[in-house]
Amino acid sequence: MEALYLLIPLSVVVVFIALWVYFTASDSGQFDDLVGPGLRVLQDDDTTAKPPTPGEPHP
């Protein structure tokens, strides 16, 4: 029972720290665009690679 006197205030402090971190990240724009970077990976480039000529070394 004595442990509750320590654990309850400690858990309240941890919750307030987690809320502070979340709102700080939200205010700085961390969560603005979650879909865009994932879709940009799927977009294909317009340029095509040219086939190597017989005399060129391979990279």
PDB file of N, CA and C in Angstrom:
ATOM      1  N   MET A   1       0.818  -1.193   0.000  1.00  0.00           N
ATOM      2  CA  MET A   1       0.000   0.000   0.000  1.00  0.00           C
ATOM      3  C   MET A   1       0.862   1.257   0.000  1.00  0.00           C
ATOM      4  N   GLU A   2       2.008   1.176   0.676  1.00  0.00           N
ATOM      5  CA  GLU A   2       2.881   2.350   0.736  1.00  0.00           C
ATOM      6  C   GLU A   2       3.482   2.672  -0.630  1.00  0.00           C
ATOM      7  N   ALA A   3       3.581   1.669  -1.481  1.00  0.00           N
ATOM      8  CA  ALA A   3       4.156   1.897  -2.804  1.00  0.00           C
ATOM      9  C   ALA A   3       3.250   2.781  -3.662  1.00  0.00           C
ATOM     10  N   LEU A   4       1.949   2.748  -3.390  1.00  0.00           N
ATOM     11  CA  LEU A   4       1.020   3.577  -4.158  1.00  0.00           C
ATOM     12  C   LEU A   4       1.266   5.061  -3.930  1.00  0.00           C
ATOM     13  N   TYR A   5       1.730   5.425  -2.747  1.00  0.00           N
ATOM     14  CA  TYR A   5       2.021   6.832  -2.457  1.00  0.00           C
ATOM     15  C   TYR A   5       3.153   7.357  -3.334  1.00  0.00           C
ATOM     16  N   LEU A   6       3.991   6.476  -3.807  1.00  0.00           N
ATOM     17  CA  LEU A   6       5.070   6.862  -4.709  1.00  0.00           C
ATOM     18  C   LEU A   6       4.676   6.662  -6.174  1.00  0.00           C
ATOM     19  N   LEU A   7       4.005   5.558  -6.474  1.00  0.00           N
ATOM     20  CA  LEU A   7       3.731   5.210  -7.865  1.00  0.00           C
ATOM     21  C   LEU A   7       2.669   6.092  -8.521  1.00  0.00           C
ATOM     22  N   ILE A   8       1.647   6.495  -7.778  1.00  0.00           N
ATOM     23  CA  ILE A   8       0.595   7.322  -8.379  1.00  0.00           C
ATOM     24  C   ILE A   8       1.121   8.703  -8.758  1.00  0.00           C
ATOM     25  N   PRO A   9       1.799   9.441  -7.879  1.00  0.00           N
ATOM     26  CA  PRO A   9       2.347  10.733  -8.327  1.00  0.00           C
ATOM     27  C   PRO A   9       3.396  10.581  -9.428  1.00  0.00           C
ATOM     28  N   LEU A  10       4.184   9.528  -9.373  1.00  0.00           N
ATOM     29  CA  LEU A  10       5.187   9.298 -10.402  1.00  0.00           C
ATOM     30  C   LEU A  10       4.529   9.040 -11.758  1.00  0.00           C
ATOM     31  N   SER A  11       3.447   8.281 -11.778  1.00  0.00           N
ATOM     32  CA  SER A  11       2.758   8.024 -13.041  1.00  0.00           C
ATOM     33  C   SER A  11       2.076   9.285 -13.570  1.00  0.00           C
ATOM     34  N   VAL A  12       1.590  10.142 -12.686  1.00  0.00           N
ATOM     35  CA  VAL A  12       1.000  11.410 -13.130  1.00  0.00           C
ATOM     36  C   VAL A  12       2.070  12.288 -13.766  1.00  0.00           C
ATOM     37  N   VAL A  13       3.255  12.316 -13.192  1.00  0.00           N
ATOM     38  CA  VAL A  13       4.361  13.090 -13.755  1.00  0.00           C
ATOM     39  C   VAL A  13       4.749  12.536 -15.124  1.00  0.00           C
ATOM     40  N   VAL A  14       4.795  11.232 -15.271  1.00  0.00           N
ATOM     41  CA  VAL A  14       5.142  10.613 -16.552  1.00  0.00           C
ATOM     42  C   VAL A  14       4.087  10.943 -17.611  1.00  0.00           C
ATOM     43  N   VAL A  15       2.815  10.949 -17.241  1.00  0.00           N
ATOM     44  CA  VAL A  15       1.748  11.298 -18.185  1.00  0.00           C
ATOM     45  C   VAL A  15       1.890  12.745 -18.630  1.00  0.00           C
ATOM     46  N   PHE A  16       2.184  13.653 -17.702  1.00  0.00           N
ATOM     47  CA  PHE A  16       2.362  15.059 -18.081  1.00  0.00           C
ATOM     48  C   PHE A  16       3.582  15.251 -18.980  1.00  0.00           C
ATOM     49  N   ILE A  17       4.640  14.511 -18.744  1.00  0.00           N
ATOM     50  CA  ILE A  17       5.821  14.598 -19.615  1.00  0.00           C
ATOM     51  C   ILE A  17       5.481  14.080 -21.011  1.00  0.00           C
ATOM     52  N   ALA A  18       4.741  12.979 -21.089  1.00  0.00           N
ATOM     53  CA  ALA A  18       4.354  12.433 -22.393  1.00  0.00           C
ATOM     54  C   ALA A  18       3.450  13.408 -23.143  1.00  0.00           C
ATOM     55  N   LEU A  19       2.522  14.045 -22.446  1.00  0.00           N
ATOM     56  CA  LEU A  19       1.658  15.037 -23.089  1.00  0.00           C
ATOM     57  C   LEU A  19       2.458  16.242 -23.559  1.00  0.00           C
ATOM     58  N   TRP A  20       3.419  16.672 -22.774  1.00  0.00           N
ATOM     59  CA  TRP A  20       4.261  17.811 -23.161  1.00  0.00           C
ATOM     60  C   TRP A  20       5.070  17.480 -24.418  1.00  0.00           C
ATOM     61  N   VAL A  21       5.634  16.280 -24.483  1.00  0.00           N
ATOM     62  CA  VAL A  21       6.402  15.865 -25.665  1.00  0.00           C
ATOM     63  C   VAL A  21       5.491  15.799 -26.890  1.00  0.00           C
ATOM     64  N   TYR A  22       4.290  15.268 -26.728  1.00  0.00           N
ATOM     65  CA  TYR A  22       3.355  15.173 -27.855  1.00  0.00           C
ATOM     66  C   TYR A  22       2.965  16.552 -28.368  1.00  0.00           C
ATOM     67  N   PHE A  23       2.590  17.453 -27.477  1.00  0.00           N
ATOM     68  CA  PHE A  23       2.159  18.779 -27.923  1.00  0.00           C
ATOM     69  C   PHE A  23       3.319  19.602 -28.468  1.00  0.00           C
ATOM     70  N   THR A  24       4.518  19.398 -27.958  1.00  0.00           N
ATOM     71  CA  THR A  24       5.682  20.086 -28.524  1.00  0.00           C
ATOM     72  C   THR A  24       5.938  19.608 -29.949  1.00  0.00           C
ATOM     73  N   ALA A  25       5.850  18.312 -30.170  1.00  0.00           N
ATOM     74  CA  ALA A  25       6.044  17.776 -31.521  1.00  0.00           C
ATOM     75  C   ALA A  25       4.922  18.215 -32.448  1.00  0.00           C
ATOM     76  N   SER A  26       3.716  18.283 -31.941  1.00  0.00           N
ATOM     77  CA  SER A  26       2.585  18.707 -32.759  1.00  0.00           C
ATOM     78  C   SER A  26       2.698  20.177 -33.147  1.00  0.00           C
ATOM     79  N   ASP A  27       3.136  21.016 -32.239  1.00  0.00           N
ATOM     80  CA  ASP A  27       3.295  22.442 -32.544  1.00  0.00           C
ATOM     81  C   ASP A  27       4.428  22.701 -33.524  1.00  0.00           C
ATOM     82  N   SER A  28       5.440  21.852 -33.527  1.00  0.00           N
ATOM     83  CA  SER A  28       6.574  22.065 -34.424  1.00  0.00           C
ATOM     84  C   SER A  28       6.321  21.503 -35.824  1.00  0.00           C
ATOM     85  N   GLY A  29       5.163  20.875 -36.055  1.00  0.00           N
ATOM     86  CA  GLY A  29       4.824  20.378 -37.386  1.00  0.00           C
ATOM     87  C   GLY A  29       5.287  18.960 -37.654  1.00  0.00           C
ATOM     88  N   GLN A  30       5.556  18.212 -36.624  1.00  0.00           N
ATOM     89  CA  GLN A  30       6.062  16.853 -36.792  1.00  0.00           C
ATOM     90  C   GLN A  30       5.032  15.946 -37.470  1.00  0.00           C
ATOM     91  N   PHE A  31       3.750  16.182 -37.230  1.00  0.00           N
ATOM     92  CA  PHE A  31       2.702  15.289 -37.724  1.00  0.00           C
ATOM     93  C   PHE A  31       1.900  15.907 -38.862  1.00  0.00           C
ATOM     94  N   ASP A  32       2.441  16.897 -39.566  1.00  0.00           N
ATOM     95  CA  ASP A  32       1.670  17.600 -40.583  1.00  0.00           C
ATOM     96  C   ASP A  32       1.319  16.713 -41.774  1.00  0.00           C
ATOM     97  N   ASP A  33       2.278  16.054 -42.371  1.00  0.00           N
ATOM     98  CA  ASP A  33       2.025  15.259 -43.571  1.00  0.00           C
ATOM     99  C   ASP A  33       2.578  13.855 -43.363  1.00  0.00           C
ATOM    100  N   LEU A  34       1.690  12.930 -43.032  1.00  0.00           N
ATOM    101  CA  LEU A  34       2.125  11.557 -42.802  1.00  0.00           C
ATOM    102  C   LEU A  34       2.033  10.699 -44.059  1.00  0.00           C
ATOM    103  N   VAL A  35       1.220  11.095 -45.035  1.00  0.00           N
ATOM    104  CA  VAL A  35       0.980  10.265 -46.211  1.00  0.00           C
ATOM    105  C   VAL A  35       1.935  10.615 -47.345  1.00  0.00           C
ATOM    106  N   GLY A  36       2.279  11.886 -47.490  1.00  0.00           N
ATOM    107  CA  GLY A  36       3.072  12.353 -48.623  1.00  0.00           C
ATOM    108  C   GLY A  36       4.410  11.661 -48.812  1.00  0.00           C
ATOM    109  N   PRO A  37       5.254  11.557 -47.773  1.00  0.00           N
ATOM    110  CA  PRO A  37       6.549  10.899 -47.977  1.00  0.00           C
ATOM    111  C   PRO A  37       6.421   9.428 -48.379  1.00  0.00           C
ATOM    112  N   GLY A  38       5.405   8.748 -47.889  1.00  0.00           N
ATOM    113  CA  GLY A  38       5.211   7.358 -48.277  1.00  0.00           C
ATOM    114  C   GLY A  38       4.796   7.207 -49.726  1.00  0.00           C
ATOM    115  N   LEU A  39       4.013   8.158 -50.219  1.00  0.00           N
ATOM    116  CA  LEU A  39       3.589   8.089 -51.622  1.00  0.00           C
ATOM    117  C   LEU A  39       4.681   8.556 -52.569  1.00  0.00           C
ATOM    118  N   ARG A  40       5.546   9.451 -52.117  1.00  0.00           N
ATOM    119  CA  ARG A  40       6.633   9.925 -52.974  1.00  0.00           C
ATOM    120  C   ARG A  40       7.611   8.804 -53.308  1.00  0.00           C
ATOM    121  N   VAL A  41       7.741   7.840 -52.426  1.00  0.00           N
ATOM    122  CA  VAL A  41       8.633   6.710 -52.686  1.00  0.00           C
ATOM    123  C   VAL A  41       8.103   5.879 -53.846  1.00  0.00           C
ATOM    124  N   LEU A  42       6.793   5.798 -53.980  1.00  0.00           N
ATOM    125  CA  LEU A  42       6.192   4.952 -55.004  1.00  0.00           C
ATOM    126  C   LEU A  42       6.166   5.594 -56.381  1.00  0.00           C
ATOM    127  N   GLN A  43       6.365   6.903 -56.466  1.00  0.00           N
ATOM    128  CA  GLN A  43       6.336   7.566 -57.765  1.00  0.00           C
ATOM    129  C   GLN A  43       7.567   7.167 -58.564  1.00  0.00           C
ATOM    130  N   ASP A  44       7.345   6.874 -59.825  1.00  0.00           N
ATOM    131  CA  ASP A  44       8.417   6.404 -60.689  1.00  0.00           C
ATOM    132  C   ASP A  44       9.142   7.588 -61.321  1.00  0.00           C
ATOM    133  N   ASP A  45      10.424   7.443 -61.554  1.00  0.00           N
ATOM    134  CA  ASP A  45      11.189   8.472 -62.248  1.00  0.00           C
ATOM    135  C   ASP A  45      10.818   8.468 -63.727  1.00  0.00           C
ATOM    136  N   ASP A  46      10.907   9.640 -64.356  1.00  0.00           N
ATOM    137  CA  ASP A  46      10.592   9.743 -65.776  1.00  0.00           C
ATOM    138  C   ASP A  46      11.758   9.334 -66.665  1.00  0.00           C
ATOM    139  N   THR A  47      12.960   9.370 -66.147  1.00  0.00           N
ATOM    140  CA  THR A  47      14.120   9.032 -66.961  1.00  0.00           C
ATOM    141  C   THR A  47      14.322   7.521 -66.977  1.00  0.00           C
ATOM    142  N   THR A  48      14.822   7.035 -68.084  1.00  0.00           N
ATOM    143  CA  THR A  48      15.132   5.612 -68.199  1.00  0.00           C
ATOM    144  C   THR A  48      16.637   5.456 -68.324  1.00  0.00           C
ATOM    145  N   ALA A  49      17.132   4.378 -67.831  1.00  0.00           N
ATOM    146  CA  ALA A  49      18.567   4.115 -67.907  1.00  0.00           C
ATOM    147  C   ALA A  49      18.911   3.621 -69.306  1.00  0.00           C
ATOM    148  N   LYS A  50      19.987   4.164 -69.848  1.00  0.00           N
ATOM    149  CA  LYS A  50      20.396   3.718 -71.180  1.00  0.00           C
ATOM    150  C   LYS A  50      21.215   2.436 -71.039  1.00  0.00           C
ATOM    151  N   PRO A  51      21.109   1.550 -71.985  1.00  0.00           N
ATOM    152  CA  PRO A  51      21.879   0.305 -71.896  1.00  0.00           C
ATOM    153  C   PRO A  51      23.371   0.607 -72.051  1.00  0.00           C
ATOM    154  N   PRO A  52      24.215  -0.136 -71.349  1.00  0.00           N
ATOM    155  CA  PRO A  52      25.660   0.116 -71.451  1.00  0.00           C
ATOM    156  C   PRO A  52      26.187  -0.278 -72.827  1.00  0.00           C
ATOM    157  N   THR A  53      27.159   0.473 -73.272  1.00  0.00           N
ATOM    158  CA  THR A  53      27.802   0.133 -74.546  1.00  0.00           C
ATOM    159  C   THR A  53      28.811  -0.980 -74.297  1.00  0.00           C
ATOM    160  N   PRO A  54      29.144  -1.751 -75.309  1.00  0.00           N
ATOM    161  CA  PRO A  54      30.024  -2.909 -75.106  1.00  0.00           C
ATOM    162  C   PRO A  54      31.411  -2.553 -74.572  1.00  0.00           C
ATOM    163  N   GLY A  55      31.943  -1.365 -74.836  1.00  0.00           N
ATOM    164  CA  GLY A  55      33.297  -1.042 -74.405  1.00  0.00           C
ATOM    165  C   GLY A  55      33.387  -0.424 -73.016  1.00  0.00           C
ATOM    166  N   GLU A  56      32.264  -0.045 -72.404  1.00  0.00           N
ATOM    167  CA  GLU A  56      32.296   0.625 -71.099  1.00  0.00           C
ATOM    168  C   GLU A  56      32.376  -0.398 -69.968  1.00  0.00           C
ATOM    169  N   PRO A  57      33.131  -0.080 -68.914  1.00  0.00           N
ATOM    170  CA  PRO A  57      33.154  -0.974 -67.746  1.00  0.00           C
ATOM    171  C   PRO A  57      31.859  -0.812 -66.939  1.00  0.00           C
ATOM    172  N   HIS A  58      31.494  -1.850 -66.237  1.00  0.00           N
ATOM    173  CA  HIS A  58      30.284  -1.812 -65.408  1.00  0.00           C
ATOM    174  C   HIS A  58      30.591  -1.072 -64.111  1.00  0.00           C
ATOM    175  N   PRO A  59      29.640  -0.294 -63.589  1.00  0.00           N
ATOM    176  CA  PRO A  59      29.889   0.444 -62.331  1.00  0.00           C
ATOM    177  C   PRO A  59      29.925  -0.443 -61.123  1.00  0.00           C
TER     178      PRO A  59
END
